[in-house]
Amino acid sequence: MHCWGETVEAVIYNTLMDHLLTYDSTLRDGEQCEGVSLSLEDKIKVVARLDAFGIDVIEGGFPASNPKDIAFFKRVADMPLAHAKIAAFGNTCKKGVAAERDPGLRDLLDSAAPVVTIVGKTWDEQVTRALQTTLEENVRMIHDSVIFLKAAGRSVVFDAEHFFDGWAANADYALLCVLTAAKAGADSVDLCETNGGWLPFQVDDVVHQVIARVREEVPDQQFGIHCHNDSGCAVANTLAAVRAGVRQVQGTCNGIGERVGNTDLLTVIADAELKMGMEALGAHKLTELTDVSHCLAEVTGISVPPHHPYTGASAFAHKGGLHASAISRFPQAYEHTDPAKVGNSARMVVSELAGKASLLQKAAALGFDLEASNVDIQALLDEIKAREAHGYTYEMADGSLALMLMRQMGTYRPAFTLESFRVIVDDREDTGALAKDAASEATIKIHVGDERFVATGEGTGPVGALDAALRMAITESYPEVAELNLVDYKVRLPDESQGTGALTRVTITTADEFGTYGTVSVSENVIEASWNALVESIEYGLIRSGHLGCATPGQGADHE
């Protein structure tokens, strides 16, 4: 087992007062996000990636709270971490219990984590109503817990829970709790905006006052900030606190967490380094920001929203014709920073708002030189706008757009021709009107060159059955389809007012060795739209791999 004791006294807090310390709570507060449940292996993957990224402290969870967390602290103690320190999270000692006899504090020490984070009440009403104890006893619990953990050789973070609400209700008592932890030796006192309802100017004012008053008695005390996003201000509140003097920022990757979520630590890191001139990770690590964001999204199962700051797929996307025209000459006009600095890239989005410049740039990103091919650019733009008026959208459908361009250029050739397909959905019940366990079966007949192929596939839904049948029929001619994986399928009604008679838009996202790409189709029949989007996903995948058509293999602005 790794010997934590040799390095505990050298933990970051006593040497980097001018450095912005990063404290990640994805494995504890982030896991409280609805829909997130991490396995032990998931948690180990998160630690490995965040350590390589350069995060200072990774909060692992509650020791002894459940078998998974017990196993986690045992596993992580043997990991050869390059930079990060693991933090164990818990409470102050219980009321009426001496710190040295408190089982919760003993669990924290037994975790072998070099950093211990304890949460204590600072709101007087929380003390009397939630803890059901006296204000004096709560102060004793804070003092004795910090003293005990420091004596055991741990670095201690004191999370001042509900501090801002406590300050508003009884500033003297909230300050007393924080000052008690500081005098007891807490390495960092982190002020928690637990309810997520405060605004940046309020946070700035309170933090300035607290730091000034505490440092009158504990001059070198370090402070941190922990915010929630219920009012949409978690990142702004965190940056306001940094401006006011805190040097440890808590948050989660992509801002996941309970209710609306926590501070997005990745956004804070980028803002601090690119906008505030501070160093958290360094420019060489900041380029990994987008990769870390999407890596953690994959592990947690919570996708990065396309419009997420810095790391979203649309963070540097340009759709308006005037914007796209200007971006090549003066990118600073519409990009607040160079996307390469955070590992992202600019994209040209083709839509009904597009102009010739944006279409030419988008085509170039996909591997096509429209001007050299003598394509009528205006006619192509008119076609795109007409199709979008009919319900199509090409913003996230590079595959369909590339195939349209190839048809205009005369370089498209189909992977196969369709003779027919048939889909059967079958369910037989004798327990009432509602169906369950419905199964789908699809039979397709296609021609590849002079050969005819017939295949039948099964799936839980009709699209899955069609996908299975098509792959069975085409694999002999194009074995590369085995590397194409359908990862997302969405159905939208562009005009919902028409009800069941409305046009249906189907978008499919496919992954290959180069990343992901999208295809789109529109029809009054959802199966027809699904089939067409599916066919284009297969054809464009073969083009990207160099086995069909003439596009540059692997090209595509939306591949990752």
Protein backbone atom coordinates (compact mmCIF):
# COMPACT_ATOMS: atom_id res chain seq x y z
CA MET A 1 0.00 0.00 0.00
CA HIS A 2 1.14 3.50 -0.74
CA CYS A 3 2.62 5.20 2.30
CA TRP A 4 0.64 8.42 2.65
CA GLY A 5 2.38 9.43 5.87
CA GLU A 6 5.64 10.39 4.17
CA THR A 7 3.97 13.00 1.98
CA VAL A 8 1.14 14.41 4.10
CA GLU A 9 3.09 17.35 5.48
CA ALA A 10 4.11 18.33 1.95
CA VAL A 11 0.53 18.51 0.71
CA ILE A 12 -0.18 21.57 -1.45
CA TYR A 13 -1.81 23.83 1.11
CA ASN A 14 1.28 25.14 2.85
CA THR A 15 3.29 25.94 -0.29
CA LEU A 16 1.05 27.32 -3.02
CA MET A 17 -0.83 30.24 -1.55
CA ASP A 18 -0.63 32.19 -4.83
CA HIS A 19 -1.69 29.24 -6.98
CA LEU A 20 -5.35 28.51 -7.73
CA LEU A 21 -5.98 25.08 -6.26
CA THR A 22 -8.46 22.81 -8.01
CA TYR A 23 -10.69 20.57 -5.90
CA ASP A 24 -12.87 18.13 -7.83
CA SER A 25 -16.00 16.68 -6.23
CA THR A 26 -17.35 14.70 -9.18
CA LEU A 27 -17.06 11.43 -7.28
CA ARG A 28 -19.02 12.72 -4.29
CA ASP A 29 -21.22 15.74 -5.03
CA GLY A 30 -21.34 14.94 -8.74
CA GLU A 31 -22.63 11.43 -8.08
CA GLN A 32 -25.63 12.99 -6.34
CA CYS A 33 -26.80 14.14 -9.78
CA GLU A 34 -30.03 12.41 -10.77
CA GLY A 35 -29.24 9.63 -13.23
CA VAL A 36 -25.59 9.20 -12.22
CA SER A 37 -24.40 6.00 -10.57
CA LEU A 38 -20.71 5.22 -10.80
CA SER A 39 -19.22 1.78 -10.40
CA LEU A 40 -15.92 1.23 -8.61
CA GLU A 41 -14.16 0.94 -11.96
CA ASP A 42 -15.81 4.17 -13.11
CA LYS A 43 -14.48 5.99 -10.07
CA ILE A 44 -10.97 4.66 -10.63
CA LYS A 45 -11.10 5.83 -14.28
CA VAL A 46 -12.13 9.30 -13.14
CA VAL A 47 -9.24 9.49 -10.67
CA ALA A 48 -6.73 8.40 -13.30
CA ARG A 49 -7.93 10.97 -15.86
CA LEU A 50 -8.15 13.88 -13.41
CA ASP A 51 -4.74 13.07 -11.97
CA ALA A 52 -3.20 13.09 -15.44
CA PHE A 53 -5.01 16.38 -16.11
CA GLY A 54 -3.39 18.00 -13.09
CA ILE A 55 -6.28 18.40 -10.63
CA ASP A 56 -4.91 19.09 -7.15
CA VAL A 57 -7.48 17.35 -4.94
CA ILE A 58 -9.95 14.63 -5.91
CA GLU A 59 -12.71 14.03 -3.41
CA GLY A 60 -13.48 10.31 -3.35
CA GLY A 61 -16.61 10.07 -1.24
CA PHE A 62 -17.64 8.95 2.25
CA PRO A 63 -15.39 6.25 3.71
CA ALA A 64 -17.37 3.37 5.22
CA SER A 65 -20.69 4.79 3.97
CA ASN A 66 -21.14 1.85 1.60
CA PRO A 67 -19.12 -1.14 0.37
CA LYS A 68 -18.26 0.57 -2.93
CA ASP A 69 -16.61 3.56 -1.22
CA ILE A 70 -14.76 1.30 1.19
CA ALA A 71 -13.38 -0.63 -1.78
CA PHE A 72 -12.60 2.65 -3.58
CA PHE A 73 -10.33 4.01 -0.85
CA LYS A 74 -8.50 0.69 -0.67
CA ARG A 75 -7.94 0.65 -4.44
CA VAL A 76 -6.98 4.30 -4.79
CA ALA A 77 -4.41 4.07 -2.00
CA ASP A 78 -2.38 1.75 -4.25
CA MET A 79 -2.64 3.95 -7.35
CA PRO A 80 0.65 5.64 -8.33
CA LEU A 81 -0.83 9.14 -8.65
CA ALA A 82 1.39 11.68 -10.38
CA HIS A 83 -0.08 14.84 -8.89
CA ALA A 84 -3.51 14.66 -7.25
CA LYS A 85 -4.20 14.10 -3.58
CA ILE A 86 -7.25 12.08 -2.60
CA ALA A 87 -9.71 13.60 -0.13
CA ALA A 88 -12.09 11.66 2.09
CA PHE A 89 -15.32 13.46 2.96
CA GLY A 90 -17.24 13.34 6.22
CA ASN A 91 -18.81 15.28 9.07
CA THR A 92 -17.50 16.83 12.22
CA CYS A 93 -17.80 14.66 15.29
CA LYS A 94 -21.31 14.09 16.58
CA LYS A 95 -22.83 16.14 19.37
CA GLY A 96 -21.83 14.92 22.79
CA VAL A 97 -19.10 12.66 21.36
CA ALA A 98 -15.38 13.33 21.79
CA ALA A 99 -13.54 13.61 18.49
CA GLU A 100 -11.16 10.78 19.32
CA ARG A 101 -14.12 8.45 19.95
CA ASP A 102 -16.22 9.49 16.96
CA PRO A 103 -16.63 6.58 14.50
CA GLY A 104 -17.05 8.89 11.50
CA LEU A 105 -13.73 10.64 12.10
CA ARG A 106 -12.07 7.27 12.65
CA ASP A 107 -13.40 6.12 9.25
CA LEU A 108 -11.84 9.20 7.65
CA LEU A 109 -8.44 8.34 9.10
CA ASP A 110 -8.78 4.67 8.22
CA SER A 111 -9.35 5.63 4.57
CA ALA A 112 -5.64 6.54 4.35
CA ALA A 113 -6.54 9.65 2.35
CA PRO A 114 -3.97 12.43 2.85
CA VAL A 115 -6.66 15.14 2.69
CA VAL A 116 -9.73 15.03 4.89
CA THR A 117 -12.71 17.29 4.24
CA ILE A 118 -15.21 17.74 7.04
CA VAL A 119 -18.46 19.61 6.72
CA GLY A 120 -19.71 21.66 9.65
CA LYS A 121 -22.78 23.80 10.27
CA THR A 122 -22.40 27.58 10.25
CA TRP A 123 -26.06 28.62 10.07
CA ASP A 124 -27.46 29.00 13.57
CA GLU A 125 -30.90 27.65 12.65
CA GLN A 126 -29.32 24.58 11.06
CA VAL A 127 -27.51 23.94 14.32
CA THR A 128 -30.56 24.22 16.54
CA ARG A 129 -33.13 22.68 14.16
CA ALA A 130 -31.21 20.11 12.09
CA LEU A 131 -28.50 19.06 14.56
CA GLN A 132 -30.76 19.80 17.53
CA THR A 133 -27.89 20.99 19.66
CA THR A 134 -26.60 24.23 21.08
CA LEU A 135 -24.56 26.81 19.22
CA GLU A 136 -21.72 26.31 21.71
CA GLU A 137 -21.67 22.54 21.19
CA ASN A 138 -21.46 22.99 17.41
CA VAL A 139 -18.42 25.22 17.85
CA ARG A 140 -16.86 22.56 20.08
CA MET A 141 -17.55 19.90 17.42
CA ILE A 142 -15.78 21.98 14.77
CA HIS A 143 -12.79 22.80 16.96
CA ASP A 144 -12.20 19.30 18.31
CA SER A 145 -12.65 17.61 14.92
CA VAL A 146 -10.06 19.80 13.19
CA ILE A 147 -7.61 19.44 16.09
CA PHE A 148 -7.98 15.66 16.09
CA LEU A 149 -7.50 15.23 12.33
CA LYS A 150 -4.54 17.60 12.21
CA ALA A 151 -2.90 15.74 15.10
CA ALA A 152 -3.25 12.57 13.02
CA GLY A 153 -1.15 14.20 10.28
CA ARG A 154 -3.88 14.95 7.75
CA SER A 155 -4.41 18.07 5.70
CA VAL A 156 -7.87 19.33 6.65
CA VAL A 157 -10.42 21.19 4.55
CA PHE A 158 -13.30 22.63 6.55
CA ASP A 159 -16.46 22.96 4.44
CA ALA A 160 -18.54 25.71 6.04
CA GLU A 161 -21.97 24.43 5.07
CA HIS A 162 -24.71 26.98 4.29
CA PHE A 163 -22.21 29.69 5.13
CA PHE A 164 -23.81 32.47 3.08
CA ASP A 165 -27.29 31.82 4.43
CA GLY A 166 -25.76 31.61 7.89
CA TRP A 167 -24.03 34.95 7.34
CA ALA A 168 -27.30 36.55 6.32
CA ALA A 169 -29.08 35.18 9.39
CA ASN A 170 -26.36 35.62 12.01
CA ALA A 171 -23.06 36.91 10.66
CA ASP A 172 -21.33 36.85 14.04
CA TYR A 173 -22.05 33.16 14.58
CA ALA A 174 -21.15 32.13 11.02
CA LEU A 175 -17.87 34.01 11.39
CA LEU A 176 -17.22 32.37 14.77
CA CYS A 177 -17.54 28.90 13.21
CA VAL A 178 -15.12 29.76 10.40
CA LEU A 179 -12.66 31.43 12.78
CA THR A 180 -12.82 28.38 15.06
CA ALA A 181 -11.82 26.05 12.21
CA ALA A 182 -9.04 28.42 11.15
CA LYS A 183 -7.57 28.71 14.65
CA ALA A 184 -7.76 24.94 15.06
CA GLY A 185 -5.47 24.58 12.05
CA ALA A 186 -7.71 23.89 9.04
CA ASP A 187 -5.52 24.10 5.95
CA SER A 188 -8.37 25.57 3.92
CA VAL A 189 -11.70 26.98 5.05
CA ASP A 190 -14.09 26.58 2.13
CA LEU A 191 -17.20 28.74 2.19
CA CYS A 192 -20.19 26.80 0.87
CA GLU A 193 -23.03 28.47 -1.03
CA THR A 194 -25.12 25.37 -0.46
CA ASN A 195 -28.53 26.51 -1.65
CA GLY A 196 -27.25 28.04 -4.89
CA GLY A 197 -29.34 31.17 -4.62
CA TRP A 198 -26.79 33.93 -4.11
CA LEU A 199 -25.56 36.34 -6.77
CA PRO A 200 -21.96 37.29 -7.66
CA PHE A 201 -21.95 40.79 -6.18
CA GLN A 202 -23.30 39.37 -2.91
CA VAL A 203 -20.69 36.62 -2.80
CA ASP A 204 -17.91 39.11 -3.57
CA ASP A 205 -18.99 41.38 -0.72
CA VAL A 206 -19.29 38.61 1.88
CA VAL A 207 -16.03 36.88 0.96
CA HIS A 208 -14.09 40.15 1.15
CA GLN A 209 -15.43 40.78 4.64
CA VAL A 210 -14.81 37.23 5.90
CA ILE A 211 -11.24 37.00 4.63
CA ALA A 212 -10.36 40.40 6.06
CA ARG A 213 -11.78 39.60 9.50
CA VAL A 214 -10.36 36.08 9.80
CA ARG A 215 -6.89 37.12 8.68
CA GLU A 216 -6.76 39.71 11.42
CA GLU A 217 -6.33 36.71 13.75
CA VAL A 218 -5.00 34.01 11.38
CA PRO A 219 -2.94 35.97 8.82
CA ASP A 220 -2.05 33.11 6.49
CA GLN A 221 -5.41 31.36 6.44
CA GLN A 222 -6.35 29.95 3.04
CA PHE A 223 -9.94 30.00 1.81
CA GLY A 224 -11.90 28.08 -0.76
CA ILE A 225 -15.34 28.29 -2.34
CA HIS A 226 -18.02 25.67 -3.03
CA CYS A 227 -21.08 26.79 -5.02
CA HIS A 228 -24.26 25.30 -6.43
CA ASN A 229 -25.96 26.43 -9.60
CA ASP A 230 -29.62 26.83 -8.63
CA SER A 231 -29.69 30.48 -9.74
CA GLY A 232 -27.41 29.85 -12.73
CA CYS A 233 -24.53 31.69 -11.04
CA ALA A 234 -22.25 28.94 -9.71
CA VAL A 235 -19.32 29.71 -12.03
CA ALA A 236 -19.80 33.48 -11.67
CA ASN A 237 -20.03 33.18 -7.88
CA THR A 238 -16.88 31.08 -7.79
CA LEU A 239 -14.97 33.60 -9.87
CA ALA A 240 -16.26 36.44 -7.68
CA ALA A 241 -14.90 34.59 -4.65
CA VAL A 242 -11.56 34.08 -6.37
CA ARG A 243 -11.41 37.79 -7.13
CA ALA A 244 -12.15 38.43 -3.46
CA GLY A 245 -9.22 36.27 -2.37
CA VAL A 246 -10.08 32.56 -2.16
CA ARG A 247 -7.49 30.24 -3.63
CA GLN A 248 -9.20 26.86 -3.66
CA VAL A 249 -12.09 26.27 -6.05
CA GLN A 250 -14.41 23.32 -5.62
CA GLY A 251 -16.60 21.98 -8.40
CA THR A 252 -17.44 19.01 -10.58
CA CYS A 253 -16.59 18.18 -14.17
CA ASN A 254 -19.27 19.61 -16.47
CA GLY A 255 -21.09 20.97 -13.42
CA ILE A 256 -23.07 17.82 -12.63
CA GLY A 257 -24.56 17.55 -9.17
CA GLU A 258 -27.71 17.55 -7.11
CA ARG A 259 -30.68 19.61 -8.31
CA VAL A 260 -29.36 22.08 -10.93
CA GLY A 261 -25.77 21.03 -10.33
CA ASN A 262 -22.49 22.33 -8.95
CA THR A 263 -19.90 24.76 -10.21
CA ASP A 264 -18.43 23.52 -13.46
CA LEU A 265 -14.81 23.21 -12.41
CA LEU A 266 -13.61 22.98 -16.02
CA THR A 267 -15.21 26.30 -16.95
CA VAL A 268 -13.72 27.93 -13.85
CA ILE A 269 -10.26 26.63 -14.75
CA ALA A 270 -10.53 28.04 -18.29
CA ASP A 271 -11.90 31.39 -17.09
CA ALA A 272 -9.22 31.74 -14.41
CA GLU A 273 -6.37 30.99 -16.80
CA LEU A 274 -7.64 32.72 -19.95
CA LYS A 275 -9.51 35.65 -18.45
CA MET A 276 -8.02 36.33 -15.03
CA GLY A 277 -4.34 35.65 -15.67
CA MET A 278 -4.14 32.98 -12.96
CA GLU A 279 -2.54 29.58 -13.15
CA ALA A 280 -4.45 26.48 -12.18
CA LEU A 281 -3.08 23.81 -14.51
CA GLY A 282 -0.94 25.69 -17.00
CA ALA A 283 -1.44 26.28 -20.71
CA HIS A 284 -0.04 22.87 -21.70
CA LYS A 285 -2.72 21.10 -19.65
CA LEU A 286 -5.53 23.49 -20.56
CA THR A 287 -5.49 22.05 -24.08
CA GLU A 288 -6.85 18.82 -22.59
CA LEU A 289 -9.96 20.56 -21.25
CA THR A 290 -12.37 19.40 -23.96
CA ASP A 291 -11.06 15.85 -23.89
CA VAL A 292 -11.49 15.68 -20.09
CA SER A 293 -15.00 17.10 -20.36
CA HIS A 294 -16.10 14.46 -22.85
CA CYS A 295 -14.21 11.66 -21.11
CA LEU A 296 -16.03 12.38 -17.85
CA ALA A 297 -19.32 12.69 -19.72
CA GLU A 298 -18.80 9.20 -21.10
CA VAL A 299 -18.08 7.76 -17.65
CA THR A 300 -20.94 9.52 -15.87
CA GLY A 301 -23.47 9.03 -18.65
CA ILE A 302 -24.39 12.75 -18.69
CA SER A 303 -23.63 14.17 -22.12
CA VAL A 304 -21.88 17.49 -22.56
CA PRO A 305 -24.57 19.91 -23.83
CA PRO A 306 -23.68 21.18 -27.32
CA HIS A 307 -23.73 24.79 -26.12
CA HIS A 308 -21.60 24.17 -23.03
CA PRO A 309 -18.90 26.84 -22.53
CA TYR A 310 -15.48 25.99 -23.94
CA THR A 311 -16.03 22.22 -24.38
CA GLY A 312 -19.41 21.91 -26.11
CA ALA A 313 -19.64 20.88 -29.77
CA SER A 314 -21.26 24.24 -30.55
CA ALA A 315 -19.01 26.36 -28.33
CA PHE A 316 -17.16 27.66 -31.39
CA ALA A 317 -19.74 26.93 -34.10
CA HIS A 318 -20.59 29.66 -36.59
CA LYS A 319 -23.96 29.58 -38.31
CA GLY A 320 -24.84 33.10 -39.50
CA GLY A 321 -23.59 33.95 -42.98
CA LEU A 322 -22.02 37.26 -41.93
CA HIS A 323 -20.25 35.59 -39.00
CA ALA A 324 -18.88 32.81 -41.14
CA SER A 325 -17.70 35.25 -43.77
CA ALA A 326 -15.83 37.35 -41.21
CA ILE A 327 -14.42 34.53 -39.13
CA SER A 328 -11.70 33.62 -41.63
CA ARG A 329 -10.46 37.20 -41.71
CA PHE A 330 -10.98 38.22 -38.09
CA PRO A 331 -11.78 35.26 -35.78
CA GLN A 332 -11.54 37.41 -32.65
CA ALA A 333 -14.76 39.14 -33.67
CA TYR A 334 -16.84 36.05 -32.90
CA GLU A 335 -14.53 33.85 -30.81
CA HIS A 336 -13.75 35.08 -27.30
CA THR A 337 -10.66 32.85 -27.22
CA ASP A 338 -8.73 30.55 -29.52
CA PRO A 339 -10.61 27.22 -29.31
CA ALA A 340 -7.31 25.35 -29.64
CA LYS A 341 -6.32 26.64 -26.20
CA VAL A 342 -8.99 24.43 -24.63
CA GLY A 343 -8.66 21.55 -27.06
CA ASN A 344 -11.76 22.44 -29.08
CA SER A 345 -12.11 23.64 -32.67
CA ALA A 346 -14.21 26.05 -34.67
CA ARG A 347 -16.96 24.67 -36.89
CA MET A 348 -18.87 26.16 -39.78
CA VAL A 349 -22.55 25.29 -39.55
CA VAL A 350 -24.53 25.18 -42.77
CA SER A 351 -28.20 26.19 -42.52
CA GLU A 352 -30.77 28.48 -44.06
CA LEU A 353 -28.79 31.35 -42.52
CA ALA A 354 -25.62 30.39 -44.36
CA GLY A 355 -23.87 32.44 -47.01
CA LYS A 356 -21.43 31.40 -49.72
CA ALA A 357 -18.39 31.90 -47.49
CA SER A 358 -19.67 29.61 -44.76
CA LEU A 359 -20.66 26.93 -47.27
CA LEU A 360 -17.23 27.03 -48.93
CA GLN A 361 -15.48 26.78 -45.57
CA LYS A 362 -17.73 23.97 -44.39
CA ALA A 363 -17.18 22.05 -47.62
CA ALA A 364 -13.42 22.51 -47.26
CA ALA A 365 -13.58 21.15 -43.71
CA LEU A 366 -15.35 18.08 -45.11
CA GLY A 367 -12.66 17.63 -47.77
CA PHE A 368 -14.32 19.24 -50.81
CA ASP A 369 -13.20 22.15 -53.01
CA LEU A 370 -16.48 23.37 -54.46
CA GLU A 371 -14.96 26.18 -56.52
CA ALA A 372 -12.47 23.86 -58.20
CA SER A 373 -15.35 21.49 -58.99
CA ASN A 374 -17.32 24.24 -60.76
CA VAL A 375 -20.34 23.68 -58.54
CA ASP A 376 -23.07 26.33 -58.70
CA ILE A 377 -22.72 27.60 -55.14
CA GLN A 378 -25.90 29.67 -55.20
CA ALA A 379 -27.94 26.75 -56.52
CA LEU A 380 -26.52 24.56 -53.77
CA LEU A 381 -27.38 27.17 -51.13
CA ASP A 382 -30.90 27.43 -52.51
CA GLU A 383 -31.28 23.65 -52.27
CA ILE A 384 -30.08 23.62 -48.66
CA LYS A 385 -32.49 26.40 -47.72
CA ALA A 386 -35.38 24.66 -49.47
CA ARG A 387 -34.65 21.40 -47.69
CA GLU A 388 -34.38 23.13 -44.33
CA ALA A 389 -37.74 24.82 -45.01
CA HIS A 390 -39.05 21.27 -45.47
CA GLY A 391 -37.78 20.21 -42.05
CA TYR A 392 -34.16 19.19 -42.63
CA THR A 393 -31.34 20.53 -40.50
CA TYR A 394 -27.67 20.08 -41.31
CA GLU A 395 -26.13 21.69 -38.24
CA MET A 396 -25.17 18.33 -36.75
CA ALA A 397 -25.51 16.22 -39.91
CA ASP A 398 -22.17 16.44 -41.69
CA GLY A 399 -22.69 13.01 -43.21
CA SER A 400 -25.86 14.01 -45.06
CA LEU A 401 -24.34 17.34 -46.09
CA ALA A 402 -21.24 15.65 -47.50
CA LEU A 403 -23.36 13.25 -49.55
CA MET A 404 -25.38 16.18 -50.92
CA LEU A 405 -22.16 17.91 -51.95
CA MET A 406 -20.93 14.77 -53.68
CA ARG A 407 -24.19 14.52 -55.63
CA GLN A 408 -23.77 18.12 -56.78
CA MET A 409 -20.17 17.44 -57.77
CA GLY A 410 -21.09 14.24 -59.61
CA THR A 411 -18.77 12.08 -57.49
CA TYR A 412 -21.40 10.21 -55.48
CA ARG A 413 -22.05 6.55 -56.08
CA PRO A 414 -24.37 4.52 -53.87
CA ALA A 415 -23.05 1.64 -51.82
CA PHE A 416 -26.02 -0.44 -52.95
CA THR A 417 -29.48 -0.15 -54.48
CA LEU A 418 -32.63 -1.04 -52.60
CA GLU A 419 -35.10 -3.54 -54.00
CA SER A 420 -37.43 -3.61 -50.98
CA PHE A 421 -37.67 -3.73 -47.23
CA ARG A 422 -40.40 -4.84 -44.86
CA VAL A 423 -40.70 -4.33 -41.12
CA ILE A 424 -42.97 -6.32 -38.82
CA VAL A 425 -43.67 -5.34 -35.21
CA ASP A 426 -45.29 -8.15 -33.28
CA ASP A 427 -46.75 -8.31 -29.79
CA ARG A 428 -49.19 -10.83 -28.39
CA GLU A 429 -50.76 -10.21 -25.00
CA ASP A 430 -53.56 -11.78 -23.03
CA THR A 431 -53.34 -9.62 -19.92
CA GLY A 432 -55.00 -6.42 -21.09
CA ALA A 433 -54.85 -3.63 -23.65
CA LEU A 434 -51.25 -2.51 -23.08
CA ALA A 435 -48.46 -4.16 -25.04
CA LYS A 436 -45.17 -5.31 -23.59
CA ASP A 437 -42.16 -7.17 -24.91
CA ALA A 438 -42.92 -6.13 -28.51
CA ALA A 439 -40.33 -7.39 -30.98
CA SER A 440 -39.43 -6.19 -34.48
CA GLU A 441 -38.26 -8.07 -37.53
CA ALA A 442 -37.00 -6.53 -40.76
CA THR A 443 -36.31 -8.15 -44.12
CA ILE A 444 -34.41 -6.26 -46.79
CA LYS A 445 -33.44 -7.03 -50.38
CA ILE A 446 -30.57 -5.06 -51.88
CA HIS A 447 -28.20 -5.19 -54.84
CA VAL A 448 -24.47 -4.53 -54.66
CA GLY A 449 -23.26 -4.42 -58.23
CA ASP A 450 -24.67 -7.49 -59.95
CA GLU A 451 -25.22 -9.43 -56.74
CA ARG A 452 -28.52 -9.64 -54.85
CA PHE A 453 -28.61 -9.99 -51.08
CA VAL A 454 -31.55 -10.84 -48.84
CA ALA A 455 -31.30 -10.64 -45.06
CA THR A 456 -33.58 -10.66 -42.05
CA GLY A 457 -32.69 -8.95 -38.80
CA GLU A 458 -34.35 -8.65 -35.40
CA GLY A 459 -34.37 -5.86 -32.85
CA THR A 460 -36.29 -4.43 -29.95
CA GLY A 461 -37.51 -1.69 -32.30
CA PRO A 462 -38.01 -1.36 -36.06
CA VAL A 463 -34.93 0.81 -36.57
CA GLY A 464 -32.74 -1.65 -34.71
CA ALA A 465 -34.15 -4.46 -36.84
CA LEU A 466 -33.49 -2.53 -40.06
CA ASP A 467 -29.95 -1.75 -38.93
CA ALA A 468 -29.30 -5.42 -38.14
CA ALA A 469 -30.71 -6.60 -41.49
CA LEU A 470 -28.78 -4.02 -43.51
CA ARG A 471 -25.51 -4.91 -41.85
CA MET A 472 -26.09 -8.62 -42.49
CA ALA A 473 -26.82 -7.94 -46.15
CA ILE A 474 -23.94 -5.56 -46.84
CA THR A 475 -21.10 -6.96 -44.71
CA GLU A 476 -19.87 -9.39 -47.37
CA SER A 477 -19.34 -6.50 -49.80
CA TYR A 478 -18.24 -3.93 -47.22
CA PRO A 479 -16.80 -5.61 -44.10
CA GLU A 480 -15.82 -2.14 -42.84
CA VAL A 481 -19.41 -1.56 -41.65
CA ALA A 482 -18.51 -3.61 -38.57
CA GLU A 483 -16.53 -0.55 -37.39
CA LEU A 484 -19.56 1.76 -37.69
CA ASN A 485 -21.64 1.98 -34.53
CA LEU A 486 -24.99 3.73 -34.20
CA VAL A 487 -24.69 5.66 -30.93
CA ASP A 488 -27.73 7.97 -30.96
CA TYR A 489 -31.13 8.09 -32.63
CA LYS A 490 -33.53 11.01 -32.31
CA VAL A 491 -36.98 11.71 -33.70
CA ARG A 492 -38.44 15.21 -33.87
CA LEU A 493 -41.58 16.75 -35.34
CA PRO A 494 -40.52 20.03 -37.00
CA ASP A 495 -44.15 21.15 -36.98
CA GLU A 496 -45.87 19.64 -33.96
CA SER A 497 -49.17 21.34 -34.77
CA GLN A 498 -49.87 18.68 -37.40
CA GLY A 499 -49.94 15.86 -34.84
CA THR A 500 -49.59 12.37 -36.25
CA GLY A 501 -49.73 13.73 -39.78
CA ALA A 502 -46.66 15.91 -39.31
CA LEU A 503 -43.34 15.50 -41.04
CA THR A 504 -40.87 13.50 -38.95
CA ARG A 505 -37.17 14.39 -38.75
CA VAL A 506 -34.81 11.59 -37.83
CA THR A 507 -31.18 12.22 -36.90
CA ILE A 508 -28.66 9.46 -36.35
CA THR A 509 -25.23 9.79 -34.78
CA THR A 510 -22.65 7.20 -35.78
CA ALA A 511 -19.19 6.54 -34.38
CA ASP A 512 -16.19 5.28 -36.33
CA GLU A 513 -12.42 5.27 -35.86
CA PHE A 514 -12.27 9.01 -36.55
CA GLY A 515 -14.96 10.10 -34.09
CA THR A 516 -18.68 10.78 -34.60
CA TYR A 517 -20.82 12.21 -37.37
CA GLY A 518 -24.52 12.77 -37.99
CA THR A 519 -27.04 12.09 -40.73
CA VAL A 520 -30.61 13.38 -41.13
CA SER A 521 -33.73 12.58 -43.12
CA VAL A 522 -37.32 13.86 -43.19
CA SER A 523 -40.50 12.09 -44.17
CA GLU A 524 -44.16 11.76 -43.17
CA ASN A 525 -43.29 8.12 -42.43
CA VAL A 526 -40.91 7.67 -39.50
CA ILE A 527 -39.67 4.31 -40.80
CA GLU A 528 -38.83 5.80 -44.20
CA ALA A 529 -36.99 8.72 -42.57
CA SER A 530 -35.13 6.31 -40.30
CA TRP A 531 -34.11 4.08 -43.20
CA ASN A 532 -32.77 6.99 -45.25
CA ALA A 533 -30.78 8.43 -42.33
CA LEU A 534 -29.45 4.95 -41.60
CA VAL A 535 -28.37 4.37 -45.21
CA GLU A 536 -26.56 7.72 -45.31
CA SER A 537 -24.80 6.89 -42.05
CA ILE A 538 -23.46 3.69 -43.59
CA GLU A 539 -22.48 5.34 -46.87
CA TYR A 540 -20.71 8.27 -45.23
CA GLY A 541 -18.90 5.92 -42.87
CA LEU A 542 -17.57 4.00 -45.85
CA ILE A 543 -16.52 7.29 -47.47
CA ARG A 544 -14.66 8.39 -44.33
CA SER A 545 -12.81 5.08 -44.23
CA GLY A 546 -11.83 5.45 -47.89
CA HIS A 547 -13.90 2.52 -49.17
CA LEU A 548 -16.55 4.45 -51.08
CA GLY A 549 -16.58 7.71 -53.06
CA CYS A 550 -13.79 10.24 -53.13
CA ALA A 551 -14.00 12.34 -49.93
CA THR A 552 -10.86 12.64 -47.89
CA PRO A 553 -10.87 9.74 -45.38
CA GLY A 554 -11.59 10.81 -41.83
CA GLN A 555 -12.69 14.34 -42.78
CA GLY A 556 -15.64 15.94 -41.05
CA ALA A 557 -15.92 19.03 -38.89
CA ASP A 558 -17.99 17.30 -36.25
CA HIS A 559 -15.68 14.33 -35.73
CA GLU A 560 -13.89 14.28 -32.39
